Amino acid sequence: MHSPFYAHLSRLRFIKRWGLMRNAVEEDVAQHSWEVAVLAHALAVISRDVFGQSIDPNAVATRALFHDATEAITGDLPTPVKYSPAMRHATANLEGEVCSEMLSLLPPALLPALQGVMDHHDWPAEEARLIKSADRLAAWLKCRAELRYGNREFEQATQQVRAKIDEHMSPEVRYFLDTFGSAFELTLDSLMQGE
């Protein structure tokens, strides 16, 4: 069997995010997925090692890597479209259908392992919560970076994403922001000097 599954995933680097906005620095879905995986891993480590929760950071990171895998087919659906009341149900169904279609491309022996990381319905609730928190954090960090680059186009998005973070604030996110958040505002020289 010849399968195009991983070839589809490799094309995530061609799918631009924030497509309805002018970007100072372009971001693609592959970059975003990596960042969300790193942030989700961090939140899971904090959950386990600081707050004593029973969670596997490696499982969380793996699921986070695949959290937008269906965008290899659908492209990036902008948040104002994806979460509008009229489109929420339609986009959820579309993502589910595309996920099933992509999984059908796998050799049967690999299907159980990949279904567990791609199909959001199969995710344990606590892992899904951490991945969603990491996704919001990644969006907020992107918005903050755009503002630092002088791109005022991201002012409203920054406020909206931060409001969502605050609305769903968890001990892991609070710990991350308190411990690591301010460093994202530093220049390379400041980072290298350990400030």
N, C-alpha and C. Protein backbone atom coordinates (compact mmCIF):
# COMPACT_ATOMS: atom_id res chain seq x y z
N MET A 1 0.85 -1.20 0.00
CA MET A 1 0.00 0.00 0.00
C MET A 1 0.88 1.24 0.00
N HIS A 2 0.61 2.16 -0.89
CA HIS A 2 1.26 3.47 -0.91
C HIS A 2 0.30 4.46 -0.27
N SER A 3 0.77 5.20 0.72
CA SER A 3 -0.10 6.11 1.45
C SER A 3 0.39 7.55 1.36
N PRO A 4 -0.51 8.49 1.06
CA PRO A 4 -0.13 9.91 1.02
C PRO A 4 -0.30 10.62 2.38
N PHE A 5 -0.55 9.86 3.45
CA PHE A 5 -0.86 10.47 4.75
C PHE A 5 0.22 11.46 5.19
N TYR A 6 1.46 11.02 5.27
CA TYR A 6 2.52 11.91 5.75
C TYR A 6 2.88 12.98 4.73
N ALA A 7 2.66 12.70 3.45
CA ALA A 7 2.88 13.74 2.44
C ALA A 7 1.89 14.89 2.65
N HIS A 8 0.64 14.54 3.01
CA HIS A 8 -0.34 15.59 3.34
C HIS A 8 0.17 16.41 4.52
N LEU A 9 0.62 15.74 5.58
CA LEU A 9 1.09 16.47 6.76
C LEU A 9 2.26 17.38 6.44
N SER A 10 3.13 16.94 5.54
CA SER A 10 4.30 17.76 5.20
C SER A 10 3.91 19.06 4.52
N ARG A 11 2.70 19.12 4.00
CA ARG A 11 2.24 20.32 3.31
C ARG A 11 1.69 21.38 4.27
N LEU A 12 1.64 21.06 5.56
CA LEU A 12 1.20 22.06 6.54
C LEU A 12 2.08 23.30 6.52
N ARG A 13 3.32 23.14 6.08
CA ARG A 13 4.22 24.30 6.02
C ARG A 13 3.81 25.31 4.96
N PHE A 14 2.91 24.90 4.04
CA PHE A 14 2.44 25.81 3.00
C PHE A 14 1.13 26.50 3.37
N ILE A 15 0.54 26.09 4.49
CA ILE A 15 -0.75 26.67 4.91
C ILE A 15 -0.46 27.84 5.84
N LYS A 16 -0.76 29.03 5.36
CA LYS A 16 -0.51 30.24 6.15
C LYS A 16 -1.61 30.43 7.19
N ARG A 17 -1.21 30.88 8.36
CA ARG A 17 -2.15 31.24 9.42
C ARG A 17 -2.41 32.74 9.38
N TRP A 18 -3.48 33.15 10.04
CA TRP A 18 -3.85 34.56 10.15
C TRP A 18 -4.03 35.17 8.74
N GLY A 19 -4.65 34.40 7.86
CA GLY A 19 -4.75 34.79 6.45
C GLY A 19 -5.58 36.03 6.17
N LEU A 20 -6.45 36.41 7.08
CA LEU A 20 -7.27 37.61 6.85
C LEU A 20 -6.60 38.88 7.36
N MET A 21 -5.38 38.73 7.91
CA MET A 21 -4.69 39.88 8.51
C MET A 21 -3.32 40.06 7.88
N ARG A 22 -2.87 41.33 7.88
CA ARG A 22 -1.51 41.61 7.44
C ARG A 22 -0.57 41.18 8.55
N ASN A 23 0.43 40.39 8.21
CA ASN A 23 1.38 39.87 9.19
C ASN A 23 2.75 40.50 9.00
N ALA A 24 3.38 40.91 10.07
CA ALA A 24 4.78 41.36 9.97
C ALA A 24 5.68 40.16 9.74
N VAL A 25 5.36 39.05 10.41
CA VAL A 25 6.09 37.79 10.24
C VAL A 25 5.07 36.71 9.94
N GLU A 26 5.19 36.10 8.76
CA GLU A 26 4.27 35.03 8.37
C GLU A 26 4.44 33.82 9.29
N GLU A 27 3.35 33.12 9.53
CA GLU A 27 3.36 31.90 10.32
C GLU A 27 2.59 30.84 9.56
N ASP A 28 3.13 29.62 9.50
CA ASP A 28 2.41 28.54 8.85
C ASP A 28 1.92 27.54 9.89
N VAL A 29 1.08 26.61 9.46
CA VAL A 29 0.46 25.67 10.38
C VAL A 29 1.49 24.71 10.98
N ALA A 30 2.52 24.35 10.21
CA ALA A 30 3.56 23.47 10.75
C ALA A 30 4.30 24.15 11.90
N GLN A 31 4.66 25.41 11.73
CA GLN A 31 5.32 26.16 12.81
C GLN A 31 4.41 26.25 14.02
N HIS A 32 3.17 26.59 13.76
CA HIS A 32 2.20 26.73 14.85
C HIS A 32 2.04 25.41 15.60
N SER A 33 1.94 24.32 14.87
CA SER A 33 1.76 23.01 15.51
C SER A 33 2.94 22.66 16.41
N TRP A 34 4.14 22.97 15.95
CA TRP A 34 5.33 22.73 16.77
C TRP A 34 5.27 23.57 18.04
N GLU A 35 4.93 24.85 17.89
CA GLU A 35 4.88 25.73 19.07
C GLU A 35 3.81 25.27 20.06
N VAL A 36 2.64 24.88 19.55
CA VAL A 36 1.58 24.40 20.43
C VAL A 36 2.03 23.12 21.14
N ALA A 37 2.74 22.24 20.44
CA ALA A 37 3.23 21.01 21.07
C ALA A 37 4.21 21.32 22.19
N VAL A 38 5.11 22.27 21.97
CA VAL A 38 6.08 22.65 23.00
C VAL A 38 5.36 23.26 24.20
N LEU A 39 4.41 24.16 23.94
CA LEU A 39 3.68 24.81 25.03
C LEU A 39 2.79 23.79 25.77
N ALA A 40 2.15 22.90 25.04
CA ALA A 40 1.31 21.88 25.68
C ALA A 40 2.16 20.96 26.54
N HIS A 41 3.34 20.60 26.04
CA HIS A 41 4.26 19.77 26.83
C HIS A 41 4.62 20.50 28.12
N ALA A 42 4.94 21.80 28.00
CA ALA A 42 5.29 22.60 29.18
C ALA A 42 4.14 22.62 30.19
N LEU A 43 2.93 22.86 29.70
CA LEU A 43 1.77 22.91 30.60
C LEU A 43 1.54 21.56 31.27
N ALA A 44 1.76 20.47 30.52
CA ALA A 44 1.59 19.14 31.11
C ALA A 44 2.66 18.84 32.14
N VAL A 45 3.91 19.27 31.89
CA VAL A 45 4.99 19.09 32.87
C VAL A 45 4.66 19.88 34.13
N ILE A 46 4.18 21.11 33.95
CA ILE A 46 3.79 21.93 35.10
C ILE A 46 2.65 21.25 35.86
N SER A 47 1.67 20.75 35.13
CA SER A 47 0.54 20.06 35.76
C SER A 47 1.02 18.88 36.59
N ARG A 48 1.93 18.10 36.02
CA ARG A 48 2.42 16.90 36.72
C ARG A 48 3.39 17.24 37.85
N ASP A 49 4.39 18.07 37.55
CA ASP A 49 5.51 18.26 38.48
C ASP A 49 5.30 19.38 39.50
N VAL A 50 4.44 20.34 39.18
CA VAL A 50 4.17 21.43 40.12
C VAL A 50 2.87 21.17 40.88
N PHE A 51 1.85 20.70 40.16
CA PHE A 51 0.52 20.56 40.78
C PHE A 51 0.14 19.11 41.07
N GLY A 52 1.05 18.16 40.82
CA GLY A 52 0.86 16.78 41.23
C GLY A 52 -0.22 16.01 40.48
N GLN A 53 -0.55 16.44 39.28
CA GLN A 53 -1.57 15.74 38.50
C GLN A 53 -0.96 14.54 37.78
N SER A 54 -1.75 13.55 37.52
CA SER A 54 -1.30 12.36 36.80
C SER A 54 -1.56 12.57 35.31
N ILE A 55 -0.52 12.97 34.59
CA ILE A 55 -0.66 13.24 33.15
C ILE A 55 0.66 12.93 32.47
N ASP A 56 0.60 12.50 31.23
CA ASP A 56 1.79 12.16 30.45
C ASP A 56 2.12 13.31 29.50
N PRO A 57 3.14 14.12 29.79
CA PRO A 57 3.47 15.25 28.92
C PRO A 57 3.80 14.83 27.49
N ASN A 58 4.38 13.64 27.31
CA ASN A 58 4.72 13.20 25.96
C ASN A 58 3.47 12.90 25.14
N ALA A 59 2.47 12.32 25.76
CA ALA A 59 1.19 12.06 25.07
C ALA A 59 0.52 13.38 24.70
N VAL A 60 0.56 14.34 25.61
CA VAL A 60 -0.02 15.66 25.34
C VAL A 60 0.69 16.32 24.18
N ALA A 61 2.02 16.30 24.19
CA ALA A 61 2.79 16.93 23.11
C ALA A 61 2.50 16.27 21.77
N THR A 62 2.38 14.95 21.77
CA THR A 62 2.11 14.25 20.51
C THR A 62 0.74 14.64 19.96
N ARG A 63 -0.26 14.65 20.81
CA ARG A 63 -1.59 15.06 20.34
C ARG A 63 -1.58 16.51 19.85
N ALA A 64 -0.84 17.36 20.54
CA ALA A 64 -0.76 18.76 20.14
C ALA A 64 -0.11 18.91 18.76
N LEU A 65 0.87 18.07 18.46
CA LEU A 65 1.49 18.12 17.12
C LEU A 65 0.46 17.91 16.03
N PHE A 66 -0.55 17.11 16.31
CA PHE A 66 -1.56 16.77 15.31
C PHE A 66 -2.85 17.58 15.45
N HIS A 67 -2.88 18.57 16.35
CA HIS A 67 -4.16 19.22 16.65
C HIS A 67 -4.76 19.96 15.45
N ASP A 68 -3.94 20.38 14.51
CA ASP A 68 -4.44 21.06 13.31
C ASP A 68 -4.11 20.27 12.04
N ALA A 69 -3.91 18.98 12.17
CA ALA A 69 -3.51 18.16 11.01
C ALA A 69 -4.51 18.23 9.87
N THR A 70 -5.79 18.36 10.18
CA THR A 70 -6.80 18.40 9.12
C THR A 70 -6.65 19.63 8.23
N GLU A 71 -5.95 20.64 8.72
CA GLU A 71 -5.75 21.84 7.91
C GLU A 71 -4.85 21.59 6.70
N ALA A 72 -4.22 20.41 6.66
CA ALA A 72 -3.49 20.03 5.45
C ALA A 72 -4.46 19.90 4.27
N ILE A 73 -5.73 19.63 4.57
CA ILE A 73 -6.77 19.51 3.55
C ILE A 73 -7.66 20.76 3.51
N THR A 74 -8.08 21.24 4.67
CA THR A 74 -9.05 22.35 4.72
C THR A 74 -8.40 23.72 4.60
N GLY A 75 -7.11 23.82 4.88
CA GLY A 75 -6.49 25.12 5.04
C GLY A 75 -6.83 25.66 6.42
N ASP A 76 -6.28 26.80 6.75
CA ASP A 76 -6.54 27.42 8.06
C ASP A 76 -7.85 28.18 7.99
N LEU A 77 -8.79 27.79 8.80
CA LEU A 77 -10.05 28.51 8.87
C LEU A 77 -9.91 29.62 9.91
N PRO A 78 -10.00 30.89 9.50
CA PRO A 78 -9.82 31.99 10.45
C PRO A 78 -10.81 31.92 11.60
N THR A 79 -10.36 32.26 12.78
CA THR A 79 -11.18 32.19 13.99
C THR A 79 -12.52 32.91 13.85
N PRO A 80 -12.56 34.13 13.27
CA PRO A 80 -13.88 34.78 13.16
C PRO A 80 -14.87 33.97 12.33
N VAL A 81 -14.37 33.19 11.38
CA VAL A 81 -15.24 32.35 10.56
C VAL A 81 -15.55 31.05 11.29
N LYS A 82 -14.49 30.40 11.78
CA LYS A 82 -14.61 29.08 12.39
C LYS A 82 -15.54 29.07 13.60
N TYR A 83 -15.50 30.12 14.40
CA TYR A 83 -16.28 30.14 15.63
C TYR A 83 -17.49 31.06 15.59
N SER A 84 -17.85 31.52 14.41
CA SER A 84 -19.08 32.30 14.33
C SER A 84 -20.25 31.35 14.60
N PRO A 85 -21.34 31.85 15.20
CA PRO A 85 -22.46 30.96 15.55
C PRO A 85 -22.97 30.17 14.34
N ALA A 86 -23.00 30.78 13.18
CA ALA A 86 -23.53 30.11 12.00
C ALA A 86 -22.60 29.01 11.49
N MET A 87 -21.30 29.14 11.73
CA MET A 87 -20.33 28.22 11.15
C MET A 87 -19.78 27.19 12.12
N ARG A 88 -19.98 27.36 13.40
CA ARG A 88 -19.37 26.47 14.41
C ARG A 88 -19.68 25.00 14.13
N HIS A 89 -20.95 24.68 13.92
CA HIS A 89 -21.35 23.29 13.68
C HIS A 89 -20.78 22.78 12.35
N ALA A 90 -20.86 23.61 11.33
CA ALA A 90 -20.38 23.19 10.00
C ALA A 90 -18.88 22.92 10.00
N THR A 91 -18.11 23.79 10.65
CA THR A 91 -16.66 23.58 10.66
C THR A 91 -16.29 22.37 11.51
N ALA A 92 -17.00 22.13 12.60
CA ALA A 92 -16.73 20.94 13.42
C ALA A 92 -16.98 19.68 12.61
N ASN A 93 -18.09 19.67 11.87
CA ASN A 93 -18.39 18.51 11.02
C ASN A 93 -17.35 18.35 9.93
N LEU A 94 -16.94 19.45 9.32
CA LEU A 94 -15.93 19.40 8.26
C LEU A 94 -14.63 18.81 8.81
N GLU A 95 -14.18 19.29 9.95
CA GLU A 95 -12.93 18.79 10.53
C GLU A 95 -13.04 17.30 10.86
N GLY A 96 -14.19 16.87 11.36
CA GLY A 96 -14.39 15.46 11.66
C GLY A 96 -14.35 14.60 10.40
N GLU A 97 -14.99 15.08 9.34
CA GLU A 97 -14.99 14.34 8.07
C GLU A 97 -13.59 14.27 7.48
N VAL A 98 -12.87 15.37 7.50
CA VAL A 98 -11.52 15.39 6.96
C VAL A 98 -10.60 14.49 7.78
N CYS A 99 -10.76 14.49 9.10
CA CYS A 99 -9.97 13.61 9.96
C CYS A 99 -10.20 12.16 9.57
N SER A 100 -11.46 11.78 9.40
CA SER A 100 -11.78 10.40 9.00
C SER A 100 -11.17 10.07 7.65
N GLU A 101 -11.27 11.00 6.73
CA GLU A 101 -10.70 10.79 5.39
C GLU A 101 -9.18 10.61 5.45
N MET A 102 -8.52 11.45 6.23
CA MET A 102 -7.06 11.33 6.35
C MET A 102 -6.67 10.01 7.01
N LEU A 103 -7.39 9.63 8.06
CA LEU A 103 -7.08 8.38 8.73
C LEU A 103 -7.29 7.18 7.81
N SER A 104 -8.23 7.29 6.90
CA SER A 104 -8.48 6.18 5.97
C SER A 104 -7.31 5.96 5.01
N LEU A 105 -6.41 6.92 4.93
CA LEU A 105 -5.24 6.80 4.06
C LEU A 105 -4.13 5.95 4.67
N LEU A 106 -4.26 5.63 5.96
CA LEU A 106 -3.21 4.91 6.67
C LEU A 106 -3.29 3.41 6.45
N PRO A 107 -2.14 2.74 6.48
CA PRO A 107 -2.18 1.27 6.53
C PRO A 107 -2.90 0.84 7.81
N PRO A 108 -3.69 -0.21 7.76
CA PRO A 108 -4.48 -0.64 8.93
C PRO A 108 -3.66 -0.81 10.20
N ALA A 109 -2.43 -1.25 10.09
CA ALA A 109 -1.61 -1.49 11.29
C ALA A 109 -1.29 -0.18 12.02
N LEU A 110 -1.28 0.94 11.30
CA LEU A 110 -0.94 2.23 11.93
C LEU A 110 -2.15 3.01 12.40
N LEU A 111 -3.32 2.61 11.94
CA LEU A 111 -4.53 3.37 12.24
C LEU A 111 -4.79 3.57 13.74
N PRO A 112 -4.69 2.54 14.59
CA PRO A 112 -5.00 2.79 16.01
C PRO A 112 -4.10 3.85 16.66
N ALA A 113 -2.82 3.82 16.35
CA ALA A 113 -1.91 4.79 16.96
C ALA A 113 -2.19 6.21 16.50
N LEU A 114 -2.47 6.39 15.22
CA LEU A 114 -2.69 7.74 14.69
C LEU A 114 -4.09 8.25 14.98
N GLN A 115 -5.07 7.36 15.04
CA GLN A 115 -6.43 7.80 15.35
C GLN A 115 -6.47 8.41 16.74
N GLY A 116 -5.74 7.84 17.66
CA GLY A 116 -5.72 8.34 19.03
C GLY A 116 -5.10 9.72 19.18
N VAL A 117 -4.27 10.11 18.22
CA VAL A 117 -3.67 11.44 18.33
C VAL A 117 -4.37 12.46 17.42
N MET A 118 -5.00 12.00 16.35
CA MET A 118 -5.64 12.93 15.41
C MET A 118 -7.09 13.23 15.75
N ASP A 119 -7.82 12.24 16.18
CA ASP A 119 -9.25 12.42 16.41
C ASP A 119 -9.47 13.06 17.79
N HIS A 120 -9.85 14.31 17.78
CA HIS A 120 -10.03 15.07 19.03
C HIS A 120 -11.04 14.41 19.96
N HIS A 121 -11.99 13.68 19.40
CA HIS A 121 -13.00 13.01 20.24
C HIS A 121 -12.39 11.89 21.08
N ASP A 122 -11.23 11.39 20.67
CA ASP A 122 -10.56 10.32 21.41
C ASP A 122 -9.64 10.85 22.52
N TRP A 123 -9.47 12.15 22.59
CA TRP A 123 -8.53 12.71 23.56
C TRP A 123 -9.12 12.70 24.96
N PRO A 124 -8.30 12.32 25.96
CA PRO A 124 -8.74 12.49 27.35
C PRO A 124 -9.01 13.98 27.63
N ALA A 125 -10.03 14.25 28.41
CA ALA A 125 -10.48 15.64 28.64
C ALA A 125 -9.36 16.53 29.17
N GLU A 126 -8.55 16.02 30.10
CA GLU A 126 -7.50 16.86 30.68
C GLU A 126 -6.43 17.20 29.64
N GLU A 127 -6.11 16.25 28.78
CA GLU A 127 -5.14 16.53 27.71
C GLU A 127 -5.70 17.54 26.73
N ALA A 128 -6.97 17.38 26.36
CA ALA A 128 -7.61 18.32 25.45
C ALA A 128 -7.61 19.73 26.02
N ARG A 129 -7.86 19.84 27.32
CA ARG A 129 -7.86 21.16 27.98
C ARG A 129 -6.49 21.82 27.90
N LEU A 130 -5.43 21.06 28.16
CA LEU A 130 -4.08 21.61 28.11
C LEU A 130 -3.69 22.00 26.69
N ILE A 131 -4.10 21.21 25.72
CA ILE A 131 -3.78 21.53 24.32
C ILE A 131 -4.52 22.80 23.89
N LYS A 132 -5.77 22.94 24.27
CA LYS A 132 -6.52 24.15 23.95
C LYS A 132 -5.87 25.36 24.62
N SER A 133 -5.43 25.20 25.85
CA SER A 133 -4.73 26.30 26.54
C SER A 133 -3.44 26.66 25.81
N ALA A 134 -2.71 25.65 25.36
CA ALA A 134 -1.46 25.90 24.63
C ALA A 134 -1.75 26.59 23.30
N ASP A 135 -2.83 26.20 22.64
CA ASP A 135 -3.22 26.82 21.38
C ASP A 135 -3.52 28.30 21.58
N ARG A 136 -4.24 28.61 22.66
CA ARG A 136 -4.53 30.02 22.96
C ARG A 136 -3.25 30.79 23.31
N LEU A 137 -2.38 30.14 24.10
CA LEU A 137 -1.10 30.79 24.44
C LEU A 137 -0.30 31.10 23.19
N ALA A 138 -0.23 30.15 22.26
CA ALA A 138 0.53 30.37 21.02
C ALA A 138 -0.06 31.53 20.23
N ALA A 139 -1.39 31.60 20.17
CA ALA A 139 -2.03 32.71 19.46
C ALA A 139 -1.73 34.04 20.13
N TRP A 140 -1.78 34.07 21.45
CA TRP A 140 -1.51 35.32 22.18
C TRP A 140 -0.05 35.74 22.00
N LEU A 141 0.87 34.79 22.05
CA LEU A 141 2.28 35.12 21.85
C LEU A 141 2.53 35.65 20.44
N LYS A 142 1.86 35.08 19.46
CA LYS A 142 1.95 35.58 18.08
C LYS A 142 1.43 37.01 18.01
N CYS A 143 0.27 37.26 18.61
CA CYS A 143 -0.30 38.61 18.60
C CYS A 143 0.63 39.60 19.27
N ARG A 144 1.17 39.23 20.42
CA ARG A 144 2.08 40.11 21.14
C ARG A 144 3.33 40.41 20.30
N ALA A 145 3.85 39.40 19.62
CA ALA A 145 5.01 39.60 18.76
C ALA A 145 4.68 40.58 17.63
N GLU A 146 3.52 40.42 17.02
CA GLU A 146 3.12 41.32 15.94
C GLU A 146 3.04 42.76 16.45
N LEU A 147 2.52 42.95 17.65
CA LEU A 147 2.46 44.30 18.22
C LEU A 147 3.86 44.86 18.45
N ARG A 148 4.78 44.02 18.92
CA ARG A 148 6.16 44.48 19.12
C ARG A 148 6.81 44.90 17.80
N TYR A 149 6.39 44.26 16.71
CA TYR A 149 6.91 44.62 15.39
C TYR A 149 6.22 45.84 14.82
N GLY A 150 5.33 46.44 15.60
CA GLY A 150 4.65 47.66 15.17
C GLY A 150 3.40 47.41 14.34
N ASN A 151 2.91 46.19 14.32
CA ASN A 151 1.74 45.85 13.52
C ASN A 151 0.47 46.01 14.35
N ARG A 152 -0.17 47.16 14.22
CA ARG A 152 -1.37 47.45 14.99
C ARG A 152 -2.58 46.63 14.55
N GLU A 153 -2.46 45.95 13.42
CA GLU A 153 -3.54 45.09 12.92
C GLU A 153 -3.94 44.03 13.96
N PHE A 154 -2.99 43.70 14.85
CA PHE A 154 -3.23 42.63 15.82
C PHE A 154 -3.70 43.14 17.19
N GLU A 155 -4.00 44.43 17.32
CA GLU A 155 -4.42 44.96 18.62
C GLU A 155 -5.69 44.29 19.13
N GLN A 156 -6.72 44.24 18.30
CA GLN A 156 -7.99 43.67 18.75
C GLN A 156 -7.85 42.17 18.99
N ALA A 157 -7.12 41.47 18.11
CA ALA A 157 -6.92 40.03 18.28
C ALA A 157 -6.20 39.75 19.59
N THR A 158 -5.22 40.59 19.93
CA THR A 158 -4.48 40.41 21.18
C THR A 158 -5.44 40.49 22.37
N GLN A 159 -6.30 41.48 22.37
CA GLN A 159 -7.26 41.65 23.46
C GLN A 159 -8.24 40.48 23.52
N GLN A 160 -8.72 40.05 22.37
CA GLN A 160 -9.69 38.95 22.34
C GLN A 160 -9.08 37.63 22.81
N VAL A 161 -7.86 37.35 22.35
CA VAL A 161 -7.20 36.10 22.75
C VAL A 161 -6.88 36.14 24.24
N ARG A 162 -6.39 37.28 24.72
CA ARG A 162 -6.07 37.39 26.15
C ARG A 162 -7.33 37.24 27.00
N ALA A 163 -8.45 37.78 26.53
CA ALA A 163 -9.71 37.63 27.27
C ALA A 163 -10.09 36.15 27.36
N LYS A 164 -9.89 35.39 26.29
CA LYS A 164 -10.16 33.95 26.31
C LYS A 164 -9.23 33.24 27.29
N ILE A 165 -7.96 33.61 27.28
CA ILE A 165 -7.00 33.01 28.22
C ILE A 165 -7.45 33.29 29.66
N ASP A 166 -7.80 34.54 29.93
CA ASP A 166 -8.23 34.91 31.28
C ASP A 166 -9.52 34.19 31.68
N GLU A 167 -10.44 34.04 30.72
CA GLU A 167 -11.70 33.35 30.98
C GLU A 167 -11.48 31.88 31.35
N HIS A 168 -10.46 31.27 30.75
CA HIS A 168 -10.18 29.85 30.98
C HIS A 168 -8.86 29.66 31.74
N MET A 169 -8.50 30.65 32.55
CA MET A 169 -7.22 30.60 33.26
C MET A 169 -7.17 29.35 34.15
N SER A 170 -6.05 28.66 34.03
CA SER A 170 -5.82 27.46 34.85
C SER A 170 -4.55 27.68 35.66
N PRO A 171 -4.33 26.88 36.68
CA PRO A 171 -3.08 27.02 37.45
C PRO A 171 -1.84 26.82 36.58
N GLU A 172 -1.93 25.92 35.59
CA GLU A 172 -0.77 25.67 34.71
C GLU A 172 -0.45 26.90 33.85
N VAL A 173 -1.49 27.51 33.30
CA VAL A 173 -1.27 28.69 32.46
C VAL A 173 -0.76 29.85 33.31
N ARG A 174 -1.35 30.04 34.49
CA ARG A 174 -0.89 31.11 35.39
C ARG A 174 0.58 30.91 35.73
N TYR A 175 0.96 29.70 36.08
CA TYR A 175 2.36 29.38 36.40
C TYR A 175 3.26 29.67 35.19
N PHE A 176 2.83 29.24 34.00
CA PHE A 176 3.63 29.47 32.80
C PHE A 176 3.83 30.96 32.57
N LEU A 177 2.73 31.73 32.62
CA LEU A 177 2.83 33.17 32.37
C LEU A 177 3.70 33.86 33.42
N ASP A 178 3.53 33.49 34.68
CA ASP A 178 4.32 34.11 35.74
C ASP A 178 5.80 33.75 35.64
N THR A 179 6.10 32.54 35.20
CA THR A 179 7.48 32.06 35.18
C THR A 179 8.19 32.36 33.87
N PHE A 180 7.48 32.22 32.75
CA PHE A 180 8.12 32.31 31.44
C PHE A 180 7.61 33.45 30.57
N GLY A 181 6.46 33.99 30.89
CA GLY A 181 5.80 34.94 30.00
C GLY A 181 6.58 36.18 29.67
N SER A 182 7.19 36.81 30.66
CA SER A 182 7.88 38.09 30.39
C SER A 182 9.09 37.93 29.48
N ALA A 183 9.69 36.75 29.45
CA ALA A 183 10.88 36.54 28.60
C ALA A 183 10.54 36.66 27.12
N PHE A 184 9.29 36.42 26.75
CA PHE A 184 8.90 36.52 25.35
C PHE A 184 8.94 37.97 24.85
N GLU A 185 9.01 38.92 25.75
CA GLU A 185 9.08 40.33 25.37
C GLU A 185 10.51 40.81 25.17
N LEU A 186 11.50 39.98 25.50
CA LEU A 186 12.90 40.38 25.47
C LEU A 186 13.49 40.29 24.07
N THR A 187 14.51 41.10 23.85
CA THR A 187 15.28 41.01 22.61
C THR A 187 16.27 39.85 22.73
N LEU A 188 16.86 39.48 21.60
CA LEU A 188 17.84 38.39 21.61
C LEU A 188 19.00 38.71 22.52
N ASP A 189 19.50 39.94 22.47
CA ASP A 189 20.61 40.33 23.35
C ASP A 189 20.25 40.16 24.81
N SER A 190 19.04 40.58 25.17
CA SER A 190 18.61 40.43 26.57
C SER A 190 18.47 38.97 26.96
N LEU A 191 17.94 38.15 26.06
CA LEU A 191 17.82 36.72 26.33
C LEU A 191 19.19 36.08 26.56
N MET A 192 20.14 36.48 25.73
CA MET A 192 21.49 35.90 25.82
C MET A 192 22.19 36.34 27.10
N GLN A 193 21.84 37.49 27.63
CA GLN A 193 22.45 37.99 28.85
C GLN A 193 21.74 37.45 30.09
N GLY A 194 20.68 36.68 29.88
CA GLY A 194 19.96 36.08 31.00
C GLY A 194 19.13 37.06 31.79
N GLU A 195 18.73 38.16 31.17
CA GLU A 195 17.94 39.16 31.89
C GLU A 195 16.49 38.74 31.96
